[in-house]
Amino acid sequence: MSSLREAWRVEEDTPEPERHRHLLRDVLLPGALVGMVGAVLMALVCIGLSLIAGAGPARPAELAAGLFFRDAVPSGALAVVLGLLVHGAVAGGVGTLFALLCPRGGTAVAALALGMLLALSLQALMPTLVLYWAAPPLARSVPSLALAPGHLAFGAALGLLPAARRLTGGLDRGRRRVLQLAHAALE
């Protein structure tokens, strides 16, 4: 437990507003950002595999819409839009969970390693436990091993978490500076 406490420790020379975890700045925004980057990378990999298989570029999104179309394999614009929304929502949620669990102040290499570990865990769990009840058309149509390259691309994108945290931290510092200047101008 003490090693976990050490991983979350913040140096004493850190400015006061950044010493404490900030849910929006450190978890929600960076997690959603890397989750969306991962969703795009995973979608591009799946579209490429779909084209190689001769199924067309919309097929991965249509199969992801199986959450709403349980019995038949969906097709059409509505299925594509629903599939993209489902895919983005799940990816954003997993990215945010990753940001919640990943200690602040880690390196990009550590985040990449943890992201790849999460990707392998997703590959082990999603096809066997989740897809059969969440998206039956996807479970019936795609071999589970075909999802591995997409999950690995998603995991690689999670390695961007430290950069996303620096970005949101910089934006937050800029916001605070503008507020200080505005308060000083009003006094």
C-alpha atoms as a PDB file:
ATOM      1  CA  MET A   1       0.000   0.000   0.000  1.00  0.00           C
ATOM      2  CA  SER A   2       2.866   2.390   0.701  1.00  0.00           C
ATOM      3  CA  SER A   3       4.250   1.964  -2.833  1.00  0.00           C
ATOM      4  CA  LEU A   4       0.855   2.979  -4.229  1.00  0.00           C
ATOM      5  CA  ARG A   5       0.868   5.984  -1.919  1.00  0.00           C
ATOM      6  CA  GLU A   6       4.363   6.886  -3.180  1.00  0.00           C
ATOM      7  CA  ALA A   7       3.224   6.652  -6.808  1.00  0.00           C
ATOM      8  CA  TRP A   8       0.526   9.248  -6.139  1.00  0.00           C
ATOM      9  CA  ARG A   9       2.870  11.531  -4.139  1.00  0.00           C
ATOM     10  CA  VAL A  10       3.464  15.002  -5.503  1.00  0.00           C
ATOM     11  CA  GLU A  11       6.766  16.823  -4.996  1.00  0.00           C
ATOM     12  CA  GLU A  12       6.867  19.642  -2.455  1.00  0.00           C
ATOM     13  CA  ASP A  13       8.067  22.200  -5.021  1.00  0.00           C
ATOM     14  CA  THR A  14       4.915  21.694  -7.118  1.00  0.00           C
ATOM     15  CA  PRO A  15       2.771  24.870  -7.156  1.00  0.00           C
ATOM     16  CA  GLU A  16      -0.130  24.728  -4.693  1.00  0.00           C
ATOM     17  CA  PRO A  17      -3.021  24.363  -7.198  1.00  0.00           C
ATOM     18  CA  GLU A  18      -1.267  21.390  -8.849  1.00  0.00           C
ATOM     19  CA  ARG A  19      -0.417  19.481  -5.659  1.00  0.00           C
ATOM     20  CA  HIS A  20      -3.815  17.899  -5.381  1.00  0.00           C
ATOM     21  CA  ARG A  21      -5.477  15.690  -7.922  1.00  0.00           C
ATOM     22  CA  HIS A  22      -8.014  17.502  -9.977  1.00  0.00           C
ATOM     23  CA  LEU A  23     -10.692  15.184 -11.355  1.00  0.00           C
ATOM     24  CA  LEU A  24     -11.377  17.192 -14.499  1.00  0.00           C
ATOM     25  CA  ARG A  25      -7.759  18.159 -15.274  1.00  0.00           C
ATOM     26  CA  ASP A  26      -6.028  14.885 -14.355  1.00  0.00           C
ATOM     27  CA  VAL A  27      -8.609  12.204 -15.139  1.00  0.00           C
ATOM     28  CA  LEU A  28     -11.719  13.104 -17.130  1.00  0.00           C
ATOM     29  CA  LEU A  29     -10.319  15.308 -19.899  1.00  0.00           C
ATOM     30  CA  PRO A  30      -7.025  13.449 -20.508  1.00  0.00           C
ATOM     31  CA  GLY A  31      -8.751  10.059 -20.251  1.00  0.00           C
ATOM     32  CA  ALA A  32     -11.470  11.006 -22.688  1.00  0.00           C
ATOM     33  CA  LEU A  33      -8.883  12.510 -25.050  1.00  0.00           C
ATOM     34  CA  VAL A  34      -6.644   9.434 -25.175  1.00  0.00           C
ATOM     35  CA  GLY A  35      -9.744   7.224 -25.342  1.00  0.00           C
ATOM     36  CA  MET A  36     -10.957   9.086 -28.428  1.00  0.00           C
ATOM     37  CA  VAL A  37      -7.510   8.935 -30.051  1.00  0.00           C
ATOM     38  CA  GLY A  38      -7.504   5.206 -29.312  1.00  0.00           C
ATOM     39  CA  ALA A  39     -11.004   4.846 -30.747  1.00  0.00           C
ATOM     40  CA  VAL A  40      -9.920   6.494 -34.001  1.00  0.00           C
ATOM     41  CA  LEU A  41      -6.796   4.319 -34.260  1.00  0.00           C
ATOM     42  CA  MET A  42      -8.776   1.171 -33.483  1.00  0.00           C
ATOM     43  CA  ALA A  43     -11.438   2.129 -36.026  1.00  0.00           C
ATOM     44  CA  LEU A  44      -8.803   2.731 -38.714  1.00  0.00           C
ATOM     45  CA  VAL A  45      -7.224  -0.669 -38.027  1.00  0.00           C
ATOM     46  CA  CYS A  46     -10.629  -2.378 -38.109  1.00  0.00           C
ATOM     47  CA  ILE A  47     -11.594  -0.589 -41.329  1.00  0.00           C
ATOM     48  CA  GLY A  48      -8.333  -1.721 -42.894  1.00  0.00           C
ATOM     49  CA  LEU A  49      -8.951  -5.314 -41.844  1.00  0.00           C
ATOM     50  CA  SER A  50     -12.523  -5.081 -43.100  1.00  0.00           C
ATOM     51  CA  LEU A  51     -11.318  -3.855 -46.488  1.00  0.00           C
ATOM     52  CA  ILE A  52      -8.787  -6.673 -46.664  1.00  0.00           C
ATOM     53  CA  ALA A  53     -11.605  -9.133 -45.923  1.00  0.00           C
ATOM     54  CA  GLY A  54     -13.740  -7.527 -48.636  1.00  0.00           C
ATOM     55  CA  ALA A  55     -16.522  -6.412 -46.307  1.00  0.00           C
ATOM     56  CA  GLY A  56     -16.370  -2.655 -46.877  1.00  0.00           C
ATOM     57  CA  PRO A  57     -15.322   0.272 -44.695  1.00  0.00           C
ATOM     58  CA  ALA A  58     -18.648   0.666 -42.861  1.00  0.00           C
ATOM     59  CA  ARG A  59     -18.798  -2.940 -41.673  1.00  0.00           C
ATOM     60  CA  PRO A  60     -16.960  -2.482 -38.320  1.00  0.00           C
ATOM     61  CA  ALA A  61     -19.286   0.358 -37.285  1.00  0.00           C
ATOM     62  CA  GLU A  62     -22.350  -1.593 -38.394  1.00  0.00           C
ATOM     63  CA  LEU A  63     -21.264  -4.573 -36.297  1.00  0.00           C
ATOM     64  CA  ALA A  64     -20.619  -2.357 -33.270  1.00  0.00           C
ATOM     65  CA  ALA A  65     -24.250  -1.249 -33.544  1.00  0.00           C
ATOM     66  CA  GLY A  66     -25.196  -4.805 -32.613  1.00  0.00           C
ATOM     67  CA  LEU A  67     -25.914  -3.406 -29.165  1.00  0.00           C
ATOM     68  CA  PHE A  68     -29.176  -2.102 -30.645  1.00  0.00           C
ATOM     69  CA  PHE A  69     -29.745  -4.645 -33.421  1.00  0.00           C
ATOM     70  CA  ARG A  70     -29.578  -7.926 -31.550  1.00  0.00           C
ATOM     71  CA  ASP A  71     -30.805 -10.562 -33.989  1.00  0.00           C
ATOM     72  CA  ALA A  72     -29.874  -9.359 -37.465  1.00  0.00           C
ATOM     73  CA  VAL A  73     -26.624  -7.972 -38.787  1.00  0.00           C
ATOM     74  CA  PRO A  74     -27.381  -4.249 -39.114  1.00  0.00           C
ATOM     75  CA  SER A  75     -26.633  -2.164 -42.191  1.00  0.00           C
ATOM     76  CA  GLY A  76     -27.219   1.387 -43.362  1.00  0.00           C
ATOM     77  CA  ALA A  77     -26.455   4.883 -42.159  1.00  0.00           C
ATOM     78  CA  LEU A  78     -28.310   4.548 -38.849  1.00  0.00           C
ATOM     79  CA  ALA A  79     -26.305   1.442 -37.957  1.00  0.00           C
ATOM     80  CA  VAL A  80     -23.035   3.216 -38.812  1.00  0.00           C
ATOM     81  CA  VAL A  81     -23.891   6.260 -36.668  1.00  0.00           C
ATOM     82  CA  LEU A  82     -25.021   4.104 -33.727  1.00  0.00           C
ATOM     83  CA  GLY A  83     -21.938   1.920 -34.062  1.00  0.00           C
ATOM     84  CA  LEU A  84     -19.619   4.919 -34.014  1.00  0.00           C
ATOM     85  CA  LEU A  85     -21.410   6.341 -30.976  1.00  0.00           C
ATOM     86  CA  VAL A  86     -21.175   3.029 -29.108  1.00  0.00           C
ATOM     87  CA  HIS A  87     -17.519   2.628 -30.056  1.00  0.00           C
ATOM     88  CA  GLY A  88     -16.661   6.198 -28.991  1.00  0.00           C
ATOM     89  CA  ALA A  89     -18.548   5.944 -25.707  1.00  0.00           C
ATOM     90  CA  VAL A  90     -16.862   2.679 -24.723  1.00  0.00           C
ATOM     91  CA  ALA A  91     -13.419   3.969 -25.742  1.00  0.00           C
ATOM     92  CA  GLY A  92     -13.895   7.229 -23.834  1.00  0.00           C
ATOM     93  CA  GLY A  93     -15.000   5.313 -20.758  1.00  0.00           C
ATOM     94  CA  VAL A  94     -12.071   2.897 -20.909  1.00  0.00           C
ATOM     95  CA  GLY A  95      -9.649   5.794 -21.473  1.00  0.00           C
ATOM     96  CA  THR A  96     -11.067   7.627 -18.469  1.00  0.00           C
ATOM     97  CA  LEU A  97     -10.816   4.489 -16.331  1.00  0.00           C
ATOM     98  CA  PHE A  98      -7.203   4.136 -17.458  1.00  0.00           C
ATOM     99  CA  ALA A  99      -6.499   7.772 -16.485  1.00  0.00           C
ATOM    100  CA  LEU A 100      -8.092   7.150 -13.100  1.00  0.00           C
ATOM    101  CA  LEU A 101      -5.862   4.143 -12.428  1.00  0.00           C
ATOM    102  CA  CYS A 102      -2.622   5.439 -13.968  1.00  0.00           C
ATOM    103  CA  PRO A 103      -0.530   7.438 -11.474  1.00  0.00           C
ATOM    104  CA  ARG A 104       0.120  11.077 -12.234  1.00  0.00           C
ATOM    105  CA  GLY A 105       3.730  11.962 -13.000  1.00  0.00           C
ATOM    106  CA  GLY A 106       4.555   8.715 -14.792  1.00  0.00           C
ATOM    107  CA  THR A 107       6.533   8.493 -17.994  1.00  0.00           C
ATOM    108  CA  ALA A 108       5.159   7.898 -21.460  1.00  0.00           C
ATOM    109  CA  VAL A 109       6.954   4.535 -21.575  1.00  0.00           C
ATOM    110  CA  ALA A 110       5.218   3.425 -18.370  1.00  0.00           C
ATOM    111  CA  ALA A 111       1.849   4.609 -19.696  1.00  0.00           C
ATOM    112  CA  LEU A 112       2.494   2.793 -22.984  1.00  0.00           C
ATOM    113  CA  ALA A 113       3.376  -0.415 -21.139  1.00  0.00           C
ATOM    114  CA  LEU A 114       0.277  -0.148 -18.944  1.00  0.00           C
ATOM    115  CA  GLY A 115      -1.825   0.710 -22.002  1.00  0.00           C
ATOM    116  CA  MET A 116      -0.608  -2.376 -23.857  1.00  0.00           C
ATOM    117  CA  LEU A 117      -1.322  -4.483 -20.760  1.00  0.00           C
ATOM    118  CA  LEU A 118      -4.846  -3.071 -20.685  1.00  0.00           C
ATOM    119  CA  ALA A 119      -5.176  -3.773 -24.431  1.00  0.00           C
ATOM    120  CA  LEU A 120      -4.208  -7.406 -23.915  1.00  0.00           C
ATOM    121  CA  SER A 121      -6.685  -7.626 -21.034  1.00  0.00           C
ATOM    122  CA  LEU A 122      -9.414  -6.155 -23.234  1.00  0.00           C
ATOM    123  CA  GLN A 123      -8.554  -8.663 -25.954  1.00  0.00           C
ATOM    124  CA  ALA A 124      -8.876 -11.481 -23.442  1.00  0.00           C
ATOM    125  CA  LEU A 125     -12.139 -10.250 -21.890  1.00  0.00           C
ATOM    126  CA  MET A 126     -14.122  -8.498 -24.623  1.00  0.00           C
ATOM    127  CA  PRO A 127     -14.522 -11.346 -27.152  1.00  0.00           C
ATOM    128  CA  THR A 128     -15.144 -14.016 -24.531  1.00  0.00           C
ATOM    129  CA  LEU A 129     -17.280 -12.230 -21.937  1.00  0.00           C
ATOM    130  CA  VAL A 130     -18.705  -9.005 -23.323  1.00  0.00           C
ATOM    131  CA  LEU A 131     -19.452  -9.348 -27.032  1.00  0.00           C
ATOM    132  CA  TYR A 132     -21.870 -12.271 -26.734  1.00  0.00           C
ATOM    133  CA  TRP A 133     -24.327 -10.239 -24.690  1.00  0.00           C
ATOM    134  CA  ALA A 134     -23.381  -6.688 -25.792  1.00  0.00           C
ATOM    135  CA  ALA A 135     -23.107  -7.089 -29.581  1.00  0.00           C
ATOM    136  CA  PRO A 136     -24.194 -10.547 -30.750  1.00  0.00           C
ATOM    137  CA  PRO A 137     -23.831  -9.755 -34.493  1.00  0.00           C
ATOM    138  CA  LEU A 138     -20.197  -8.782 -33.922  1.00  0.00           C
ATOM    139  CA  ALA A 139     -19.550 -11.917 -31.867  1.00  0.00           C
ATOM    140  CA  ARG A 140     -21.074 -14.091 -34.619  1.00  0.00           C
ATOM    141  CA  SER A 141     -19.400 -12.360 -37.563  1.00  0.00           C
ATOM    142  CA  VAL A 142     -15.805 -11.714 -36.507  1.00  0.00           C
ATOM    143  CA  PRO A 143     -13.252 -14.185 -35.128  1.00  0.00           C
ATOM    144  CA  SER A 144     -12.068 -12.967 -31.740  1.00  0.00           C
ATOM    145  CA  LEU A 145      -8.413 -12.913 -32.789  1.00  0.00           C
ATOM    146  CA  ALA A 146      -9.264 -10.428 -35.553  1.00  0.00           C
ATOM    147  CA  LEU A 147      -9.974  -7.848 -32.839  1.00  0.00           C
ATOM    148  CA  ALA A 148      -6.415  -8.061 -31.423  1.00  0.00           C
ATOM    149  CA  PRO A 149      -4.744  -5.521 -33.767  1.00  0.00           C
ATOM    150  CA  GLY A 150      -7.451  -2.962 -32.981  1.00  0.00           C
ATOM    151  CA  HIS A 151      -7.118  -3.490 -29.246  1.00  0.00           C
ATOM    152  CA  LEU A 152      -3.332  -3.126 -29.491  1.00  0.00           C
ATOM    153  CA  ALA A 153      -3.721   0.138 -31.434  1.00  0.00           C
ATOM    154  CA  PHE A 154      -6.066   1.365 -28.692  1.00  0.00           C
ATOM    155  CA  GLY A 155      -3.559   0.380 -26.008  1.00  0.00           C
ATOM    156  CA  ALA A 156      -0.769   2.212 -27.825  1.00  0.00           C
ATOM    157  CA  ALA A 157      -2.868   5.387 -27.841  1.00  0.00           C
ATOM    158  CA  LEU A 158      -3.209   5.159 -24.060  1.00  0.00           C
ATOM    159  CA  GLY A 159       0.529   5.822 -23.903  1.00  0.00           C
ATOM    160  CA  LEU A 160      -0.314   9.432 -24.755  1.00  0.00           C
ATOM    161  CA  LEU A 161      -1.827   9.948 -21.283  1.00  0.00           C
ATOM    162  CA  PRO A 162       1.147  11.859 -19.784  1.00  0.00           C
ATOM    163  CA  ALA A 163       1.155  14.228 -22.772  1.00  0.00           C
ATOM    164  CA  ALA A 164      -2.617  14.705 -22.459  1.00  0.00           C
ATOM    165  CA  ARG A 165      -2.198  15.486 -18.761  1.00  0.00           C
ATOM    166  CA  ARG A 166       0.512  18.041 -19.555  1.00  0.00           C
ATOM    167  CA  LEU A 167      -1.796  19.594 -22.141  1.00  0.00           C
ATOM    168  CA  THR A 168      -4.765  19.876 -19.782  1.00  0.00           C
ATOM    169  CA  GLY A 169      -2.473  21.071 -16.976  1.00  0.00           C
ATOM    170  CA  GLY A 170      -1.070  23.793 -19.226  1.00  0.00           C
ATOM    171  CA  LEU A 171      -4.546  24.847 -20.273  1.00  0.00           C
ATOM    172  CA  ASP A 172      -5.593  24.980 -16.626  1.00  0.00           C
ATOM    173  CA  ARG A 173      -2.538  27.082 -15.694  1.00  0.00           C
ATOM    174  CA  GLY A 174      -3.359  29.462 -18.559  1.00  0.00           C
ATOM    175  CA  ARG A 175      -6.967  29.690 -17.411  1.00  0.00           C
ATOM    176  CA  ARG A 176      -5.886  30.503 -13.850  1.00  0.00           C
ATOM    177  CA  ARG A 177      -3.432  33.143 -15.116  1.00  0.00           C
ATOM    178  CA  VAL A 178      -6.144  34.843 -17.187  1.00  0.00           C
ATOM    179  CA  LEU A 179      -8.430  34.860 -14.136  1.00  0.00           C
ATOM    180  CA  GLN A 180      -5.649  36.395 -11.997  1.00  0.00           C
ATOM    181  CA  LEU A 181      -5.082  39.117 -14.592  1.00  0.00           C
ATOM    182  CA  ALA A 182      -8.806  39.795 -14.847  1.00  0.00           C
ATOM    183  CA  HIS A 183      -9.140  40.088 -11.055  1.00  0.00           C
ATOM    184  CA  ALA A 184      -6.091  42.359 -10.921  1.00  0.00           C
ATOM    185  CA  ALA A 185      -7.516  44.574 -13.667  1.00  0.00           C
ATOM    186  CA  LEU A 186     -10.830  44.890 -11.820  1.00  0.00           C
ATOM    187  CA  GLU A 187      -9.202  45.953  -8.551  1.00  0.00           C
END
